[in-house]
């Protein structure tokens, strides 16, 4: 069982951890990035690694050859190589829910034979083929709306990974949308997104894609029901089957809703929400960018998968990125990590990584049910490009917080002119240099301390394939971190309690029932809410 792979010993008990602690205290706590570069003219080359279309320059980080060797030793002592094989071979790495986590199978080729013996894996390509046929039929006008008009406006209805994945990728790949196709999304439970959206839509040309494994997620069900009412009211009840598709496994609920059986696409319990873009959850994205580009997205992720599984540790991009993060989190005490993409089409990528990292790593209990003894997940935050420079870079440069940074930089723009992208590149390189070098001044207000670490991920252009590599890079980075800590990154019990309480409070808010809870603050707020509504 994979439970044994999650280090039986606490990471703090491993020899490499103890050596890293001493190394930090004696060598690195007061180290200078400028000195590290001055001592090694080849540092930028020696602390860079490539994988596929991505280059990771991690030379502007507070580490040496000794640090890197010790971090790799820690990964080995924590059984990371064995855990990676467990992931790819379908072992039950999701120990708390006793199942595999096989998002890697969703983008594999059949010849890769990734976890073939796991139920459902052999069906991946059948579902993908059905998706491709459906997408082609919609884009070519073979499948049309109830009145015979082409379906050109795709509305993704989901929440969490069922929203963040398609939304982030659709914005990132805006340059690859098929002409005439449009992507929209509805996620929040307050209903305003849908209300605002339908004012701009023609129901005859709109296809809603409902993304919910159980078809019972409160936010998704509420929004889907409201969208259904709009279609039924404007086009008639019979139109529902022509204007709704679904990624779900609950056929009974889909029957009740009225989803056309030919418009249903399943996935499996070993697909976690924040890892689901590669499954039928990506249907709305595929409908906009087309099957060829969706396949390229999968191919890019597979390319990173193969690198992660096969590359030696010192050249393994996800592993190095993870161990640098562990270094800052657990030895420097960094509580946050900033993601700063210099392409505005990646503006939702920091939010996507927030869920990936914080839902995966926000745990205080290990996979063996024992409490952790180290800090686990960092707070992930960020913003696109020069917008962020006029927002929170002040804190990065002169604030008192220690915040490691990942700069994400395409060389060629996905849409604008070369000259405009040259400005973005210049700003990105200038910011990373300024964070590292700092600036001395007799005017204390204008002095920059520098010595602020960063990594830069460079690639030629934001394409479906490079986006696939980029997402998979961070998926595997998060996996390695959690193996080190002994934490299961594939459950999310922390989000369940609030949702359960919300269900019990719904009738109370609508005044149908009285509040039975014991929380005096909630009681007082409910009284105030009812009073405001009554006036």
Protein backbone atom coordinates (compact mmCIF):
# COMPACT_ATOMS: atom_id res chain seq x y z
CA UNK A 1 0.00 0.00 0.00
CA UNK A 2 1.09 3.57 -0.71
CA UNK A 3 0.63 4.38 2.99
CA UNK A 4 4.03 2.80 3.57
CA UNK A 5 5.52 5.08 0.92
CA UNK A 6 4.53 8.14 2.95
CA UNK A 7 7.63 8.24 5.06
CA UNK A 8 7.08 6.26 8.25
CA UNK A 9 9.48 8.70 9.84
CA UNK A 10 8.77 12.37 10.16
CA UNK A 11 10.82 14.40 7.66
CA UNK A 12 12.43 16.21 10.59
CA UNK A 13 13.89 12.86 11.69
CA UNK A 14 15.62 12.22 8.36
CA UNK A 15 19.41 12.77 8.23
CA UNK A 16 19.16 15.18 5.28
CA UNK A 17 16.68 17.36 7.17
CA UNK A 18 19.03 17.67 10.13
CA UNK A 19 21.92 18.53 7.81
CA UNK A 20 19.80 21.11 6.01
CA UNK A 21 18.92 22.70 9.32
CA UNK A 22 22.60 23.06 10.20
CA UNK A 23 23.44 24.21 6.68
CA UNK A 24 20.75 26.89 6.85
CA UNK A 25 21.93 28.14 10.23
CA UNK A 26 25.66 28.13 9.51
CA UNK A 27 25.85 28.90 5.78
CA UNK A 28 22.67 30.22 4.23
CA UNK A 29 20.68 32.23 6.78
CA UNK A 30 22.81 35.30 6.12
CA UNK A 31 23.94 34.44 2.60
CA UNK A 32 23.94 36.96 -0.23
CA UNK A 33 22.69 36.30 -3.75
CA UNK A 34 25.11 38.90 -5.08
CA UNK A 35 27.99 37.08 -3.41
CA UNK A 36 26.85 33.72 -4.77
CA UNK A 37 26.92 35.11 -8.31
CA UNK A 38 30.24 36.87 -7.73
CA UNK A 39 31.80 33.59 -6.61
CA UNK A 40 30.53 31.59 -9.60
CA UNK A 41 30.57 33.04 -13.12
CA UNK A 42 28.63 30.02 -14.41
CA UNK A 43 25.94 30.06 -11.76
CA UNK A 44 23.12 30.99 -14.17
CA UNK A 45 23.98 27.99 -16.36
CA UNK A 46 24.56 25.54 -13.54
CA UNK A 47 21.33 26.41 -11.77
CA UNK A 48 19.05 26.09 -14.77
CA UNK A 49 17.20 23.07 -16.15
CA UNK A 50 15.05 22.44 -19.21
CA UNK A 51 12.08 20.19 -19.85
CA UNK A 52 10.30 20.19 -23.18
CA UNK A 53 9.58 23.81 -24.04
CA UNK A 54 10.21 25.15 -20.53
CA UNK A 55 13.41 26.49 -19.00
CA UNK A 56 13.63 26.92 -15.26
CA UNK A 57 16.27 29.39 -14.10
CA UNK A 58 16.55 28.97 -10.34
CA UNK A 59 19.95 30.66 -10.00
CA UNK A 60 18.46 33.66 -8.16
CA UNK A 61 17.61 31.46 -5.17
CA UNK A 62 19.41 31.28 -1.84
CA UNK A 63 21.08 27.94 -2.37
CA UNK A 64 24.40 26.39 -3.32
CA UNK A 65 25.54 23.06 -4.68
CA UNK A 66 25.54 21.79 -1.12
CA UNK A 67 21.95 22.96 -0.62
CA UNK A 68 20.80 21.31 -3.83
CA UNK A 69 22.53 18.04 -2.98
CA UNK A 70 21.01 17.98 0.50
CA UNK A 71 17.53 18.77 -0.85
CA UNK A 72 17.85 15.91 -3.34
CA UNK A 73 19.04 13.64 -0.54
CA UNK A 74 15.97 14.64 1.46
CA UNK A 75 13.71 13.72 -1.46
CA UNK A 76 15.36 10.32 -1.73
CA UNK A 77 15.21 9.66 2.01
CA UNK A 78 11.51 10.62 2.02
CA UNK A 79 10.94 8.01 -0.74
CA UNK A 80 9.92 10.49 -3.43
CA UNK A 81 11.12 8.23 -6.32
CA UNK A 82 9.02 5.36 -4.97
CA UNK A 83 6.02 7.65 -4.48
CA UNK A 84 6.30 8.82 -8.09
CA UNK A 85 6.12 5.24 -9.29
CA UNK A 86 3.16 4.62 -7.02
CA UNK A 87 1.41 7.60 -8.63
CA UNK A 88 1.97 6.36 -12.18
CA UNK A 89 1.23 2.71 -11.52
CA UNK A 90 -2.14 3.32 -9.89
CA UNK A 91 -1.28 2.60 -6.27
CA UNK A 92 -3.72 4.10 -3.77
CA UNK A 93 -1.75 7.27 -3.15
CA UNK A 94 -4.99 8.92 -2.05
CA UNK A 95 -4.74 6.99 1.19
CA UNK A 96 -7.56 8.66 3.13
CA UNK A 97 -10.08 7.82 0.40
CA UNK A 98 -8.35 4.53 -0.49
CA UNK A 99 -8.02 5.09 -4.22
CA UNK A 100 -5.48 6.11 -6.84
CA UNK A 101 -4.98 9.62 -8.22
CA UNK A 102 -4.58 9.03 -11.93
CA UNK A 103 -4.80 12.39 -13.65
CA UNK A 104 -1.62 11.29 -15.43
CA UNK A 105 -3.63 8.54 -17.13
CA UNK A 106 -5.99 11.12 -18.63
CA UNK A 107 -3.23 12.54 -20.83
CA UNK A 108 -1.22 9.37 -21.43
CA UNK A 109 -1.06 7.40 -24.65
CA UNK A 110 -2.39 3.87 -24.65
CA UNK A 111 1.14 2.65 -25.41
CA UNK A 112 2.31 4.18 -22.09
CA UNK A 113 0.23 1.54 -20.27
CA UNK A 114 -0.30 3.80 -17.26
CA UNK A 115 -2.18 1.80 -14.60
CA UNK A 116 -4.09 -0.31 -17.15
CA UNK A 117 -5.33 -2.59 -14.40
CA UNK A 118 -7.14 0.25 -12.62
CA UNK A 119 -10.89 0.20 -13.41
CA UNK A 120 -11.80 3.03 -15.75
CA UNK A 121 -8.35 3.71 -17.20
CA UNK A 122 -9.01 1.70 -20.33
CA UNK A 123 -12.14 3.83 -20.90
CA UNK A 124 -10.20 7.11 -20.99
CA UNK A 125 -9.67 7.00 -24.74
CA UNK A 126 -13.26 6.01 -25.45
CA UNK A 127 -14.55 9.05 -23.55
CA UNK A 128 -11.97 11.26 -25.24
CA UNK A 129 -13.09 10.02 -28.66
CA UNK A 130 -16.72 10.76 -27.79
CA UNK A 131 -15.71 14.25 -26.68
CA UNK A 132 -13.82 14.83 -29.92
CA UNK A 133 -16.79 13.71 -32.03
CA UNK A 134 -19.15 15.92 -30.03
CA UNK A 135 -16.85 18.95 -30.29
CA UNK A 136 -16.45 18.51 -34.03
CA UNK A 137 -20.20 18.13 -34.52
CA UNK A 138 -20.90 21.34 -32.58
CA UNK A 139 -18.15 23.35 -34.26
CA UNK A 140 -19.13 22.17 -37.75
CA UNK A 141 -22.81 22.87 -37.13
CA UNK A 142 -23.91 19.25 -37.30
CA UNK A 143 -25.30 19.53 -33.76
CA UNK A 144 -27.43 22.64 -33.40
CA UNK A 145 -29.72 24.28 -30.91
CA UNK A 146 -33.45 23.66 -30.61
CA UNK A 147 -34.37 26.21 -33.30
CA UNK A 148 -31.68 25.07 -35.72
CA UNK A 149 -29.13 27.77 -34.99
CA UNK A 150 -25.45 26.93 -34.46
CA UNK A 151 -24.24 26.69 -30.86
CA UNK A 152 -21.58 29.36 -30.55
CA UNK A 153 -21.70 30.44 -26.88
CA UNK A 154 -20.38 27.80 -24.48
CA UNK A 155 -21.18 28.36 -20.80
CA UNK A 156 -19.26 26.26 -18.28
CA UNK A 157 -21.23 25.74 -15.05
CA UNK A 158 -19.04 24.39 -12.26
CA UNK A 159 -17.21 25.31 -9.07
CA UNK A 160 -13.67 24.75 -7.80
CA UNK A 161 -11.58 22.76 -10.24
CA UNK A 162 -14.61 22.31 -12.49
CA UNK A 163 -14.54 26.08 -12.97
CA UNK A 164 -10.97 27.22 -12.35
CA UNK A 165 -9.44 24.74 -14.81
CA UNK A 166 -11.60 25.52 -17.86
CA UNK A 167 -11.71 29.25 -17.08
CA UNK A 168 -7.94 29.59 -16.58
CA UNK A 169 -7.13 27.54 -19.70
CA UNK A 170 -9.73 29.27 -21.89
CA UNK A 171 -8.30 32.68 -21.00
CA UNK A 172 -4.72 31.47 -21.48
CA UNK A 173 -5.59 30.03 -24.89
CA UNK A 174 -7.78 32.91 -26.09
CA UNK A 175 -5.61 33.19 -29.20
CA UNK A 176 -6.63 29.63 -30.16
CA UNK A 177 -10.41 30.00 -29.94
CA UNK A 178 -12.19 28.90 -33.08
CA UNK A 179 -13.59 32.00 -34.85
CA UNK A 180 -17.20 32.52 -33.86
CA UNK A 181 -16.98 30.43 -30.66
CA UNK A 182 -17.16 32.10 -27.25
CA UNK A 183 -16.43 30.84 -23.73
CA UNK A 184 -18.33 31.93 -20.62
CA UNK A 185 -18.44 30.60 -17.07
CA UNK A 186 -20.78 30.57 -14.09
CA UNK A 187 -19.62 29.39 -10.68
CA UNK A 188 -20.58 31.57 -7.73
CA UNK A 189 -23.69 30.67 -5.77
CA UNK A 190 -25.00 34.22 -5.41
CA UNK A 191 -26.41 34.06 -8.93
CA UNK A 192 -25.10 37.38 -10.21
CA UNK A 193 -22.79 35.82 -12.81
CA UNK A 194 -25.68 34.06 -14.52
CA UNK A 195 -28.00 37.05 -14.27
CA UNK A 196 -25.41 39.32 -15.89
CA UNK A 197 -24.46 36.73 -18.48
CA UNK A 198 -27.88 35.84 -19.85
CA UNK A 199 -28.48 39.51 -20.63
CA UNK A 200 -25.79 39.15 -23.30
CA UNK A 201 -26.66 35.68 -24.63
CA UNK A 202 -28.99 34.42 -27.29
CA UNK A 203 -30.51 31.22 -25.84
CA UNK A 204 -30.85 29.74 -29.33
CA UNK A 205 -27.06 29.78 -29.72
CA UNK A 206 -26.08 28.84 -26.15
CA UNK A 207 -24.84 25.49 -24.89
CA UNK A 208 -24.44 25.01 -21.13
CA UNK A 209 -21.91 22.44 -19.93
CA UNK A 210 -22.71 21.35 -16.36
CA UNK A 211 -19.59 20.02 -14.61
CA UNK A 212 -20.25 18.05 -11.43
CA UNK A 213 -19.20 14.49 -10.76
CA UNK A 214 -22.19 13.88 -8.48
CA UNK A 215 -24.50 16.44 -10.09
CA UNK A 216 -25.37 17.48 -6.54
CA UNK A 217 -22.76 20.20 -5.80
CA UNK A 218 -24.83 22.99 -4.30
CA UNK A 219 -23.41 25.90 -6.28
CA UNK A 220 -23.40 24.04 -9.59
CA UNK A 221 -26.86 22.58 -9.12
CA UNK A 222 -28.30 25.98 -8.21
CA UNK A 223 -26.80 27.71 -11.25
CA UNK A 224 -27.69 24.85 -13.60
CA UNK A 225 -31.29 24.88 -12.38
CA UNK A 226 -31.53 28.62 -12.98
CA UNK A 227 -30.02 28.26 -16.46
CA UNK A 228 -32.45 25.47 -17.23
CA UNK A 229 -35.38 27.64 -16.20
CA UNK A 230 -34.16 30.39 -18.53
CA UNK A 231 -33.89 28.01 -21.50
CA UNK A 232 -37.26 26.39 -20.79
CA UNK A 233 -38.93 29.79 -20.41
CA UNK A 234 -37.47 31.26 -23.60
CA UNK A 235 -37.35 28.23 -25.90
CA UNK A 236 -39.67 25.71 -24.27
CA UNK A 237 -39.19 22.65 -22.07
CA UNK A 238 -38.23 20.46 -25.03
CA UNK A 239 -35.24 22.71 -25.75
CA UNK A 240 -33.39 21.63 -22.61
CA UNK A 241 -32.01 18.45 -24.20
CA UNK A 242 -30.51 20.50 -27.07
CA UNK A 243 -28.86 23.18 -24.93
CA UNK A 244 -27.27 21.26 -22.05
CA UNK A 245 -24.33 18.87 -21.88
CA UNK A 246 -22.78 17.45 -18.72
CA UNK A 247 -19.60 16.00 -17.30
CA UNK A 248 -20.93 13.79 -14.55
CA UNK A 249 -21.41 10.20 -13.41
CA UNK A 250 -24.88 10.59 -11.84
CA UNK A 251 -27.16 9.42 -14.64
CA UNK A 252 -30.26 9.43 -12.46
CA UNK A 253 -29.80 13.13 -11.68
CA UNK A 254 -29.06 13.87 -15.33
CA UNK A 255 -32.24 12.01 -16.33
CA UNK A 256 -34.25 14.17 -13.93
CA UNK A 257 -32.62 17.34 -15.23
CA UNK A 258 -33.18 16.36 -18.86
CA UNK A 259 -29.62 15.96 -20.16
CA UNK A 260 -29.56 14.24 -23.54
CA UNK A 261 -27.83 10.83 -23.09
CA UNK A 262 -25.63 11.64 -26.11
CA UNK A 263 -24.49 14.85 -24.42
CA UNK A 264 -23.16 13.15 -21.26
CA UNK A 265 -19.49 12.51 -20.61
CA UNK A 266 -18.26 10.61 -17.59
CA UNK A 267 -15.08 10.46 -15.56
CA UNK A 268 -13.87 8.45 -12.61
CA UNK A 269 -13.50 8.68 -8.84
CA UNK A 270 -9.73 8.77 -9.21
CA UNK A 271 -10.00 12.18 -10.91
CA UNK A 272 -9.81 14.91 -8.28
CA UNK A 273 -11.52 18.22 -9.01
CA UNK A 274 -8.33 20.30 -9.10
CA UNK A 275 -6.78 17.72 -11.44
CA UNK A 276 -9.82 17.32 -13.70
CA UNK A 277 -9.14 19.72 -16.59
CA UNK A 278 -7.73 16.81 -18.57
CA UNK A 279 -10.98 14.83 -18.29
CA UNK A 280 -14.47 15.55 -19.62
CA UNK A 281 -14.41 18.58 -17.29
CA UNK A 282 -12.39 20.12 -20.11
CA UNK A 283 -15.30 19.72 -22.55
CA UNK A 284 -16.26 23.41 -22.55
CA UNK A 285 -12.63 24.33 -23.23
CA UNK A 286 -12.42 21.80 -26.07
CA UNK A 287 -15.63 23.16 -27.58
CA UNK A 288 -13.98 26.57 -27.90
CA UNK A 289 -10.40 25.70 -28.89
CA UNK A 290 -11.17 22.52 -30.86
CA UNK A 291 -10.02 18.94 -30.56
CA UNK A 292 -6.58 19.45 -32.11
CA UNK A 293 -5.61 22.09 -29.58
CA UNK A 294 -7.16 20.15 -26.69
CA UNK A 295 -5.05 17.15 -27.72
CA UNK A 296 -1.99 19.41 -27.74
CA UNK A 297 -2.80 20.48 -24.18
CA UNK A 298 -2.88 16.83 -23.14
CA UNK A 299 0.32 16.11 -25.06
CA UNK A 300 2.11 18.92 -23.24
CA UNK A 301 1.08 17.56 -19.85
CA UNK A 302 2.17 14.05 -20.89
CA UNK A 303 5.54 15.45 -21.92
CA UNK A 304 6.04 16.85 -18.42
CA UNK A 305 4.78 13.58 -16.91
CA UNK A 306 7.46 11.61 -18.74
CA UNK A 307 10.14 14.07 -17.68
CA UNK A 308 8.99 13.91 -14.05
CA UNK A 309 9.01 10.12 -14.07
CA UNK A 310 12.29 9.63 -15.92
CA UNK A 311 14.63 12.60 -15.37
CA UNK A 312 17.36 12.27 -12.72
CA UNK A 313 16.76 14.37 -9.60
CA UNK A 314 19.33 17.04 -10.39
CA UNK A 315 17.62 17.64 -13.77
CA UNK A 316 14.03 17.03 -12.65
CA UNK A 317 12.16 20.32 -12.95
CA UNK A 318 9.10 19.53 -10.76
CA UNK A 319 11.29 17.96 -8.08
CA UNK A 320 13.70 20.91 -7.99
CA UNK A 321 10.86 23.43 -7.87
CA UNK A 322 9.27 21.47 -5.01
CA UNK A 323 12.45 21.14 -2.99
CA UNK A 324 13.21 24.86 -3.34
CA UNK A 325 9.71 25.51 -2.02
CA UNK A 326 10.31 23.15 0.92
CA UNK A 327 13.61 24.93 1.57
CA UNK A 328 11.91 28.32 1.89
CA UNK A 329 8.79 27.07 3.65
CA UNK A 330 10.40 24.87 6.26
CA UNK A 331 13.80 26.47 6.83
CA UNK A 332 13.42 30.17 5.96
CA UNK A 333 9.87 30.30 7.32
CA UNK A 334 8.28 31.70 4.15
CA UNK A 335 4.51 31.71 4.64
CA UNK A 336 3.55 32.87 1.15
CA UNK A 337 4.70 32.38 -2.43
CA UNK A 338 3.94 34.76 -5.31
CA UNK A 339 3.16 33.62 -8.88
CA UNK A 340 3.74 36.42 -11.40
CA UNK A 341 3.01 35.64 -15.07
CA UNK A 342 4.05 38.19 -17.68
CA UNK A 343 1.28 37.40 -20.13
CA UNK A 344 -2.12 38.79 -19.25
CA UNK A 345 -3.79 35.69 -20.68
CA UNK A 346 -2.35 33.85 -17.68
CA UNK A 347 -4.13 36.21 -15.29
CA UNK A 348 -6.12 33.34 -13.74
CA UNK A 349 -3.12 31.05 -13.39
CA UNK A 350 -2.26 32.28 -9.85
CA UNK A 351 -5.86 31.56 -8.79
CA UNK A 352 -5.65 28.12 -10.39
CA UNK A 353 -2.46 27.40 -8.45
CA UNK A 354 -4.08 28.68 -5.26
CA UNK A 355 -6.52 25.80 -5.38
CA UNK A 356 -3.93 23.29 -6.55
CA UNK A 357 -1.48 24.16 -3.79
CA UNK A 358 -3.67 25.25 -0.91
CA UNK A 359 -6.36 22.58 -1.24
CA UNK A 360 -3.69 19.92 -1.67
CA UNK A 361 -1.26 21.08 1.00
CA UNK A 362 -3.49 22.83 3.52
CA UNK A 363 -3.37 19.88 5.91
CA UNK A 364 -2.29 19.40 9.49
CA UNK A 365 -2.51 15.60 9.54
CA UNK A 366 -0.33 13.15 7.65
CA UNK A 367 -1.52 10.29 5.51
CA UNK A 368 -0.76 7.93 8.38
CA UNK A 369 -3.18 9.94 10.61
CA UNK A 370 -0.43 11.47 12.73
CA UNK A 371 -0.16 15.28 13.09
CA UNK A 372 2.48 17.04 11.05
CA UNK A 373 5.43 18.61 12.83
CA UNK A 374 6.37 21.13 10.13
CA UNK A 375 4.67 23.92 8.20
CA UNK A 376 2.88 22.52 5.17
CA UNK A 377 1.09 24.53 2.47
CA UNK A 378 2.13 28.09 1.74
CA UNK A 379 -0.34 30.82 0.80
CA UNK A 380 -0.23 31.21 -2.99
CA UNK A 381 -1.04 34.57 -4.50
CA UNK A 382 -0.18 36.68 -7.51
CA UNK A 383 -1.30 38.73 -10.47
CA UNK A 384 -0.38 39.18 -14.09
CA UNK A 385 2.58 41.23 -15.19
CA UNK A 386 2.92 44.95 -14.88
CA UNK A 387 -0.52 45.27 -13.23
CA UNK A 388 1.07 43.68 -10.18
CA UNK A 389 4.01 46.10 -10.36
CA UNK A 390 1.57 48.92 -9.68
CA UNK A 391 -0.17 46.96 -6.93
CA UNK A 392 1.88 44.89 -4.49
CA UNK A 393 5.49 44.92 -5.76
CA UNK A 394 6.17 47.62 -3.17
CA UNK A 395 5.87 44.93 -0.50
CA UNK A 396 8.09 42.53 -2.45
CA UNK A 397 10.88 45.09 -2.82
CA UNK A 398 10.86 47.02 0.45
CA UNK A 399 8.50 45.18 2.78
CA UNK A 400 9.46 43.08 5.77
CA UNK A 401 7.95 39.83 4.49
CA UNK A 402 10.08 37.10 2.96
CA UNK A 403 8.24 36.14 -0.24
CA UNK A 404 9.80 33.80 -2.83
CA UNK A 405 8.60 34.52 -6.36
CA UNK A 406 8.01 32.54 -9.54
CA UNK A 407 8.17 34.68 -12.69
CA UNK A 408 6.47 33.08 -15.71
CA UNK A 409 7.68 34.58 -18.97
CA UNK A 410 6.83 33.83 -22.62
CA UNK A 411 9.32 35.19 -25.16
CA UNK A 412 6.73 35.74 -27.87
CA UNK A 413 3.30 37.24 -27.26
CA UNK A 414 0.22 35.13 -27.82
CA UNK A 415 -1.51 38.04 -29.53
CA UNK A 416 0.12 41.46 -29.22
CA UNK A 417 3.00 42.91 -31.23
CA UNK A 418 6.62 41.98 -30.62
CA UNK A 419 7.36 45.49 -29.37
CA UNK A 420 4.67 45.20 -26.70
CA UNK A 421 6.04 41.85 -25.57
CA UNK A 422 9.54 43.33 -25.48
CA UNK A 423 8.24 45.74 -22.84
CA UNK A 424 6.80 42.86 -20.82
CA UNK A 425 10.08 40.92 -21.03
CA UNK A 426 12.09 43.98 -20.01
CA UNK A 427 9.83 44.56 -17.01
CA UNK A 428 9.97 40.94 -15.89
CA UNK A 429 13.76 40.73 -16.10
CA UNK A 430 14.12 44.10 -14.41
CA UNK A 431 11.91 43.08 -11.51
CA UNK A 432 13.74 39.81 -10.86
CA UNK A 433 17.07 41.62 -11.05
CA UNK A 434 15.91 44.40 -8.74
CA UNK A 435 14.60 41.90 -6.20
CA UNK A 436 17.98 40.20 -6.16
CA UNK A 437 20.38 43.16 -6.49
CA UNK A 438 18.51 45.77 -4.47
CA UNK A 439 19.64 49.40 -4.49
CA UNK A 440 21.87 51.28 -2.06
CA UNK A 441 20.95 54.86 -1.26
CA UNK A 442 21.69 57.42 1.39
CA UNK A 443 17.98 58.15 1.30
CA UNK A 444 16.56 55.33 3.40
CA UNK A 445 13.19 55.67 1.72
CA UNK A 446 14.71 54.83 -1.64
CA UNK A 447 17.00 52.02 -0.51
CA UNK A 448 16.11 48.49 -1.61
CA UNK A 449 17.59 45.70 0.51
CA UNK A 450 17.62 43.15 -2.33
CA UNK A 451 18.49 39.50 -1.68
CA UNK A 452 14.89 38.56 -2.48
CA UNK A 453 14.83 35.13 -4.21
CA UNK A 454 13.00 34.25 -7.39
CA UNK A 455 12.77 31.59 -10.08
CA UNK A 456 11.98 32.28 -13.73
CA UNK A 457 10.13 29.87 -15.98
CA UNK A 458 10.83 30.81 -19.60
CA UNK A 459 9.22 29.49 -22.80
CA UNK A 460 8.86 30.67 -26.36
CA UNK A 461 5.10 31.18 -26.58
CA UNK A 462 1.93 30.38 -24.68
CA UNK A 463 0.42 27.52 -26.68
CA UNK A 464 -1.81 24.60 -25.70
CA UNK A 465 1.26 22.37 -25.40
CA UNK A 466 3.30 24.77 -23.27
CA UNK A 467 0.27 25.41 -21.05
CA UNK A 468 -0.10 21.66 -20.56
CA UNK A 469 3.55 21.43 -19.53
CA UNK A 470 3.22 24.38 -17.17
CA UNK A 471 0.16 23.01 -15.37
CA UNK A 472 1.63 19.51 -15.02
CA UNK A 473 4.88 21.03 -13.72
CA UNK A 474 3.05 22.54 -10.76
CA UNK A 475 0.87 19.46 -10.23
CA UNK A 476 3.98 17.34 -9.75
CA UNK A 477 5.71 20.04 -7.70
CA UNK A 478 2.81 19.95 -5.24
CA UNK A 479 2.89 16.15 -5.14
CA UNK A 480 6.59 16.07 -4.22
CA UNK A 481 6.15 18.63 -1.43
CA UNK A 482 3.40 16.58 0.15
CA UNK A 483 5.40 13.38 -0.07
CA UNK A 484 8.13 15.13 1.92
CA UNK A 485 5.65 16.12 4.62
CA UNK A 486 3.78 12.80 4.52
CA UNK A 487 0.54 14.59 3.64
CA UNK A 488 -2.12 13.26 1.25
CA UNK A 489 -2.55 15.96 -1.44
CA UNK A 490 -5.63 14.35 -3.00
CA UNK A 491 -8.39 14.82 -0.43
CA UNK A 492 -10.09 18.03 0.69
CA UNK A 493 -12.06 17.31 3.82
CA UNK A 494 -11.41 20.86 4.98
CA UNK A 495 -14.03 22.22 2.58
CA UNK A 496 -16.77 19.83 3.68
CA UNK A 497 -17.75 21.22 7.08
CA UNK A 498 -18.64 24.71 5.88
CA UNK A 499 -20.68 23.29 3.01
CA UNK A 500 -22.55 21.02 5.41
CA UNK A 501 -23.36 23.91 7.74
CA UNK A 502 -24.48 26.03 4.79
CA UNK A 503 -27.01 23.38 3.83
CA UNK A 504 -28.44 23.36 7.35
CA UNK A 505 -28.60 27.17 7.43
CA UNK A 506 -30.30 27.62 4.05
CA UNK A 507 -33.82 27.17 5.41
CA UNK A 508 -33.00 29.36 8.39
CA UNK A 509 -31.91 32.23 6.14
CA UNK A 510 -35.09 31.92 4.08
CA UNK A 511 -37.09 32.17 7.35
CA UNK A 512 -38.64 28.73 7.00
CA UNK A 513 -36.96 27.41 10.14
CA UNK A 514 -35.48 28.84 13.32
CA UNK A 515 -31.75 28.66 14.06
CA UNK A 516 -30.93 25.66 16.27
CA UNK A 517 -27.21 26.23 16.49
CA UNK A 518 -25.29 27.47 19.49
CA UNK A 519 -23.10 30.13 17.92
CA UNK A 520 -24.18 33.51 19.34
CA UNK A 521 -22.52 35.46 16.52
CA UNK A 522 -24.37 33.48 13.85
CA UNK A 523 -27.61 33.92 15.81
CA UNK A 524 -27.15 37.68 16.00
CA UNK A 525 -26.20 37.99 12.33
CA UNK A 526 -29.28 36.01 11.28
CA UNK A 527 -31.48 38.36 13.31
CA UNK A 528 -29.87 41.34 11.61
CA UNK A 529 -30.24 39.78 8.14
CA UNK A 530 -33.96 39.14 8.68
CA UNK A 531 -34.46 42.64 10.02
CA UNK A 532 -32.74 44.20 6.98
CA UNK A 533 -34.82 42.05 4.64
CA UNK A 534 -38.04 42.95 6.37
CA UNK A 535 -37.39 46.67 5.86
